[in-house]
N, C-alpha and C. Protein backbone atom coordinates (compact mmCIF):
# COMPACT_ATOMS: atom_id res chain seq x y z
N UNK A 1 -13.37 0.91 -17.39
CA UNK A 1 -12.49 1.55 -16.42
C UNK A 1 -12.72 3.06 -16.53
N UNK A 2 -13.17 3.64 -15.44
CA UNK A 2 -13.42 5.08 -15.47
C UNK A 2 -12.18 5.84 -15.02
N UNK A 3 -12.18 7.12 -15.34
CA UNK A 3 -11.04 7.96 -14.97
C UNK A 3 -10.92 8.11 -13.47
N UNK A 4 -12.06 8.15 -12.76
CA UNK A 4 -11.99 8.30 -11.31
C UNK A 4 -11.37 7.07 -10.66
N UNK A 5 -11.69 5.88 -11.19
CA UNK A 5 -11.09 4.66 -10.65
C UNK A 5 -9.59 4.64 -10.90
N UNK A 6 -9.20 5.02 -12.09
CA UNK A 6 -7.77 5.03 -12.41
C UNK A 6 -7.06 6.09 -11.59
N UNK A 7 -7.72 7.21 -11.37
CA UNK A 7 -7.13 8.27 -10.54
C UNK A 7 -6.91 7.79 -9.11
N UNK A 8 -7.87 7.05 -8.58
CA UNK A 8 -7.72 6.51 -7.22
C UNK A 8 -6.54 5.54 -7.17
N UNK A 9 -6.41 4.73 -8.21
CA UNK A 9 -5.30 3.77 -8.24
C UNK A 9 -3.96 4.49 -8.34
N UNK A 10 -3.91 5.53 -9.15
CA UNK A 10 -2.66 6.29 -9.30
C UNK A 10 -2.27 6.91 -7.96
N UNK A 11 -3.23 7.54 -7.27
CA UNK A 11 -2.93 8.15 -5.98
C UNK A 11 -2.57 7.10 -4.94
N UNK A 12 -3.21 5.93 -5.00
CA UNK A 12 -2.85 4.84 -4.09
C UNK A 12 -1.41 4.39 -4.36
N UNK A 13 -1.02 4.35 -5.62
CA UNK A 13 0.35 3.97 -5.96
C UNK A 13 1.34 5.01 -5.50
N UNK A 14 1.00 6.28 -5.66
CA UNK A 14 1.88 7.36 -5.20
C UNK A 14 2.06 7.26 -3.69
N UNK A 15 0.95 7.07 -2.96
CA UNK A 15 1.03 6.93 -1.51
C UNK A 15 1.87 5.72 -1.12
N UNK A 16 1.72 4.62 -1.84
CA UNK A 16 2.49 3.40 -1.56
C UNK A 16 3.99 3.67 -1.67
N UNK A 17 4.41 4.30 -2.76
CA UNK A 17 5.84 4.52 -2.96
C UNK A 17 6.40 5.58 -2.01
N UNK A 18 5.62 6.60 -1.71
CA UNK A 18 6.06 7.61 -0.74
C UNK A 18 6.23 6.97 0.64
N UNK A 19 5.24 6.17 1.05
CA UNK A 19 5.32 5.51 2.36
C UNK A 19 6.48 4.52 2.39
N UNK A 20 6.74 3.84 1.27
CA UNK A 20 7.85 2.89 1.23
C UNK A 20 9.19 3.61 1.42
N UNK A 21 9.35 4.74 0.76
CA UNK A 21 10.61 5.49 0.88
C UNK A 21 10.75 6.08 2.28
N UNK A 22 9.69 6.69 2.79
CA UNK A 22 9.74 7.28 4.14
C UNK A 22 9.98 6.20 5.18
N UNK A 23 9.29 5.07 5.05
CA UNK A 23 9.50 3.97 5.98
C UNK A 23 10.93 3.47 5.96
N UNK A 24 11.51 3.37 4.78
CA UNK A 24 12.90 2.94 4.67
C UNK A 24 13.83 3.95 5.31
N UNK A 25 13.56 5.24 5.06
CA UNK A 25 14.42 6.28 5.63
C UNK A 25 14.31 6.33 7.15
N UNK A 26 13.20 5.90 7.71
CA UNK A 26 13.05 5.84 9.16
C UNK A 26 13.67 4.55 9.71
N UNK A 27 13.52 3.45 8.98
CA UNK A 27 14.01 2.15 9.45
C UNK A 27 15.53 2.10 9.51
N UNK A 28 16.21 2.75 8.59
CA UNK A 28 17.67 2.70 8.57
C UNK A 28 18.28 3.34 9.82
N UNK A 29 17.92 4.57 10.19
CA UNK A 29 18.51 5.14 11.41
C UNK A 29 18.11 4.40 12.68
N UNK A 30 16.89 3.88 12.73
CA UNK A 30 16.47 3.14 13.92
C UNK A 30 17.31 1.88 14.09
N UNK A 31 17.69 1.25 12.99
CA UNK A 31 18.47 0.02 13.08
C UNK A 31 19.87 0.27 13.65
N UNK A 32 20.31 1.51 13.68
CA UNK A 32 21.62 1.82 14.26
C UNK A 32 21.60 1.85 15.78
N UNK A 33 20.41 1.81 16.39
CA UNK A 33 20.31 1.82 17.85
C UNK A 33 20.58 0.46 18.47
N UNK A 34 20.59 -0.58 17.68
CA UNK A 34 20.87 -1.91 18.20
C UNK A 34 20.13 -2.97 17.40
N UNK A 35 20.46 -4.21 17.69
CA UNK A 35 19.89 -5.32 16.93
C UNK A 35 18.39 -5.42 17.14
N UNK A 36 17.93 -5.30 18.39
CA UNK A 36 16.50 -5.43 18.66
C UNK A 36 15.70 -4.35 17.93
N UNK A 37 16.17 -3.11 18.02
CA UNK A 37 15.48 -2.03 17.33
C UNK A 37 15.54 -2.22 15.82
N UNK A 38 16.65 -2.75 15.34
CA UNK A 38 16.78 -3.01 13.90
C UNK A 38 15.80 -4.06 13.42
N UNK A 39 15.68 -5.13 14.20
CA UNK A 39 14.73 -6.19 13.83
C UNK A 39 13.30 -5.65 13.86
N UNK A 40 12.98 -4.89 14.91
CA UNK A 40 11.64 -4.31 15.00
C UNK A 40 11.37 -3.34 13.84
N UNK A 41 12.38 -2.57 13.47
CA UNK A 41 12.22 -1.63 12.36
C UNK A 41 11.99 -2.37 11.04
N UNK A 42 12.73 -3.44 10.82
CA UNK A 42 12.58 -4.21 9.58
C UNK A 42 11.22 -4.89 9.54
N UNK A 43 10.80 -5.49 10.66
CA UNK A 43 9.48 -6.14 10.71
C UNK A 43 8.37 -5.11 10.47
N UNK A 44 8.49 -3.95 11.11
CA UNK A 44 7.49 -2.90 10.91
C UNK A 44 7.46 -2.41 9.48
N UNK A 45 8.64 -2.25 8.88
CA UNK A 45 8.72 -1.79 7.49
C UNK A 45 8.09 -2.81 6.54
N UNK A 46 8.41 -4.09 6.72
CA UNK A 46 7.85 -5.12 5.86
C UNK A 46 6.33 -5.23 6.03
N UNK A 47 5.86 -5.08 7.26
CA UNK A 47 4.42 -5.10 7.52
C UNK A 47 3.74 -3.93 6.82
N UNK A 48 4.33 -2.75 6.93
CA UNK A 48 3.78 -1.56 6.28
C UNK A 48 3.70 -1.76 4.77
N UNK A 49 4.76 -2.25 4.18
CA UNK A 49 4.80 -2.45 2.73
C UNK A 49 3.77 -3.49 2.30
N UNK A 50 3.64 -4.57 3.07
CA UNK A 50 2.68 -5.62 2.73
C UNK A 50 1.26 -5.08 2.74
N UNK A 51 0.89 -4.39 3.81
CA UNK A 51 -0.47 -3.87 3.90
C UNK A 51 -0.75 -2.78 2.87
N UNK A 52 0.22 -1.91 2.62
CA UNK A 52 0.01 -0.87 1.62
C UNK A 52 -0.10 -1.46 0.21
N UNK A 53 0.65 -2.50 -0.08
CA UNK A 53 0.57 -3.14 -1.39
C UNK A 53 -0.79 -3.80 -1.56
N UNK A 54 -1.28 -4.47 -0.51
CA UNK A 54 -2.60 -5.08 -0.55
C UNK A 54 -3.66 -4.01 -0.77
N UNK A 55 -3.55 -2.89 -0.05
CA UNK A 55 -4.51 -1.79 -0.17
C UNK A 55 -4.48 -1.19 -1.57
N UNK A 56 -3.28 -1.04 -2.12
CA UNK A 56 -3.12 -0.45 -3.46
C UNK A 56 -3.72 -1.37 -4.53
N UNK A 57 -3.49 -2.66 -4.41
CA UNK A 57 -4.01 -3.60 -5.41
C UNK A 57 -5.54 -3.65 -5.41
N UNK A 58 -6.14 -3.48 -4.23
CA UNK A 58 -7.61 -3.48 -4.17
C UNK A 58 -8.20 -2.29 -4.90
N UNK A 59 -7.42 -1.23 -5.08
CA UNK A 59 -7.93 -0.05 -5.75
C UNK A 59 -7.71 -0.07 -7.25
N UNK A 60 -7.03 -1.09 -7.77
CA UNK A 60 -6.84 -1.17 -9.21
C UNK A 60 -8.20 -1.40 -9.88
N UNK A 61 -8.51 -0.65 -10.94
CA UNK A 61 -9.84 -0.75 -11.57
C UNK A 61 -10.19 -2.15 -12.06
N UNK A 62 -9.22 -2.96 -12.39
CA UNK A 62 -9.52 -4.30 -12.89
C UNK A 62 -9.31 -5.39 -11.85
N UNK A 63 -9.14 -5.02 -10.60
CA UNK A 63 -8.97 -6.04 -9.56
C UNK A 63 -10.29 -6.77 -9.34
N UNK A 64 -10.22 -7.97 -8.81
CA UNK A 64 -11.43 -8.75 -8.54
C UNK A 64 -12.35 -8.01 -7.58
N UNK A 65 -11.77 -7.31 -6.63
CA UNK A 65 -12.56 -6.55 -5.66
C UNK A 65 -13.35 -5.44 -6.36
N UNK A 66 -12.72 -4.70 -7.24
CA UNK A 66 -13.40 -3.61 -7.94
C UNK A 66 -14.44 -4.14 -8.92
N UNK A 67 -14.17 -5.27 -9.55
CA UNK A 67 -15.14 -5.88 -10.46
C UNK A 67 -16.38 -6.31 -9.67
N UNK A 68 -16.17 -6.90 -8.50
CA UNK A 68 -17.29 -7.31 -7.65
C UNK A 68 -18.10 -6.10 -7.19
N UNK A 69 -17.42 -5.01 -6.83
CA UNK A 69 -18.15 -3.80 -6.44
C UNK A 69 -18.99 -3.26 -7.59
N UNK A 70 -18.44 -3.29 -8.80
CA UNK A 70 -19.19 -2.82 -9.96
C UNK A 70 -20.42 -3.68 -10.21
N UNK A 71 -20.29 -5.00 -10.05
CA UNK A 71 -21.43 -5.89 -10.23
C UNK A 71 -22.51 -5.59 -9.19
N UNK A 72 -22.11 -5.35 -7.96
CA UNK A 72 -23.09 -5.03 -6.91
C UNK A 72 -23.81 -3.73 -7.22
N UNK A 73 -23.09 -2.76 -7.75
CA UNK A 73 -23.72 -1.47 -8.08
C UNK A 73 -24.73 -1.64 -9.22
N UNK A 74 -24.40 -2.49 -10.19
CA UNK A 74 -25.31 -2.71 -11.30
C UNK A 74 -26.54 -3.50 -10.88
N UNK A 75 -26.35 -4.45 -9.96
CA UNK A 75 -27.48 -5.26 -9.49
C UNK A 75 -28.39 -4.47 -8.57
N UNK A 76 -27.82 -3.52 -7.83
CA UNK A 76 -28.60 -2.79 -6.82
C UNK A 76 -29.21 -1.59 -7.35
């Protein structure tokens, strides 16, 4: 595990948590406009969190994706 890989994972984690908080702070006021807007805000927030979590996990130095990339670099 190199420092640059861990640094990327740390920054991906920071971005994940910042986006989660900002998304929540945006979703709460939007939900006050009505039920439809509230449902759309919650669905959008959950979608954002799901995709950001998937993106963050792919950047972990010991993830299967990163291990496969390292193997390709060594083979090539």
